[in-house]
């Protein structure tokens, strides 16, 4: 996964500049980002504070780990079932 060159704190600061009255085009030009990136950030981080963004990041990491554990256990289950059907 590609790592962003902006942290969550920087993204939230950029979005707050826009909320303060700077237009979206000017904000994008000032920070060197595309319009699509700006609107994607706004949909994900709009209305969040820095502490909320950190919590969100932590929850996304935990969710990713849990999904990986679930996939591994399902694979183990399928392997065991396959081995049982071959024996009988």
Protein backbone atom coordinates (compact mmCIF):
# COMPACT_ATOMS: atom_id res chain seq x y z
CA UNK A 1 0.00 0.00 0.00
CA UNK A 2 1.34 3.39 -1.00
CA UNK A 3 2.14 5.67 1.90
CA UNK A 4 0.76 9.19 1.78
CA UNK A 5 3.15 12.09 1.94
CA UNK A 6 0.70 13.85 4.27
CA UNK A 7 -0.10 12.74 7.81
CA UNK A 8 -3.63 12.73 9.19
CA UNK A 9 -2.84 15.89 11.15
CA UNK A 10 -1.68 17.69 8.01
CA UNK A 11 -4.75 16.54 6.08
CA UNK A 12 -7.07 17.83 8.80
CA UNK A 13 -5.21 21.16 8.87
CA UNK A 14 -5.60 21.48 5.08
CA UNK A 15 -9.32 20.74 5.34
CA UNK A 16 -9.71 23.33 8.11
CA UNK A 17 -8.09 25.93 5.82
CA UNK A 18 -10.79 25.18 3.28
CA UNK A 19 -13.51 25.46 5.93
CA UNK A 20 -12.09 28.84 6.98
CA UNK A 21 -12.98 30.26 3.59
CA UNK A 22 -10.23 29.34 1.12
CA UNK A 23 -11.63 27.82 -2.07
CA UNK A 24 -10.99 24.19 -2.90
CA UNK A 25 -8.97 25.05 -6.01
CA UNK A 26 -6.76 27.49 -4.09
CA UNK A 27 -6.24 24.97 -1.30
CA UNK A 28 -5.24 22.27 -3.77
CA UNK A 29 -2.86 24.58 -5.61
CA UNK A 30 -1.26 25.80 -2.35
CA UNK A 31 -0.53 22.28 -1.09
CA UNK A 32 0.14 20.60 -4.44
CA UNK A 33 -2.68 18.08 -4.39
CA UNK A 34 -5.31 17.18 -6.97
CA UNK A 35 -8.99 17.99 -6.69
CA UNK A 36 -9.83 14.28 -6.48
CA UNK A 37 -7.44 13.82 -3.56
CA UNK A 38 -8.90 16.81 -1.77
CA UNK A 39 -12.48 15.58 -2.11
CA UNK A 40 -11.50 12.04 -1.10
CA UNK A 41 -9.86 13.45 2.04
CA UNK A 42 -12.91 15.58 2.71
CA UNK A 43 -15.21 12.57 2.53
CA UNK A 44 -12.97 10.55 4.85
CA UNK A 45 -11.70 13.18 7.31
CA UNK A 46 -14.32 15.93 7.04
CA UNK A 47 -15.42 17.08 10.49
CA UNK A 48 -12.81 15.05 12.35
CA UNK A 49 -10.37 16.37 14.90
CA UNK A 50 -6.80 15.11 15.18
CA UNK A 51 -7.62 12.82 18.12
CA UNK A 52 -10.53 11.33 16.18
CA UNK A 53 -8.25 10.67 13.20
CA UNK A 54 -5.78 8.84 15.43
CA UNK A 55 -8.58 6.68 16.83
CA UNK A 56 -9.79 5.98 13.29
CA UNK A 57 -6.29 4.92 12.23
CA UNK A 58 -6.02 2.60 15.24
CA UNK A 59 -9.39 1.03 14.55
CA UNK A 60 -8.51 0.49 10.88
CA UNK A 61 -5.28 -1.27 11.89
CA UNK A 62 -7.11 -3.46 14.39
CA UNK A 63 -9.77 -4.29 11.80
CA UNK A 64 -7.09 -5.28 9.27
CA UNK A 65 -5.46 -7.63 11.81
CA UNK A 66 -8.78 -9.22 12.75
CA UNK A 67 -9.70 -9.80 9.09
CA UNK A 68 -6.34 -11.49 8.55
CA UNK A 69 -6.87 -13.76 11.58
CA UNK A 70 -10.37 -14.66 10.37
CA UNK A 71 -9.10 -15.53 6.89
CA UNK A 72 -6.35 -17.72 8.33
CA UNK A 73 -8.76 -19.58 10.62
CA UNK A 74 -11.22 -20.12 7.75
CA UNK A 75 -8.40 -21.51 5.63
CA UNK A 76 -7.40 -23.86 8.45
CA UNK A 77 -11.02 -24.98 8.79
CA UNK A 78 -11.32 -25.68 5.07
CA UNK A 79 -8.06 -27.63 5.10
CA UNK A 80 -9.20 -29.77 8.04
CA UNK A 81 -12.56 -30.50 6.41
CA UNK A 82 -10.84 -31.50 3.18
CA UNK A 83 -8.49 -33.85 5.01
CA UNK A 84 -11.39 -35.44 6.88
CA UNK A 85 -13.32 -36.12 3.69
CA UNK A 86 -10.27 -37.73 2.08
CA UNK A 87 -9.80 -40.12 5.00
CA UNK A 88 -13.36 -41.40 4.83
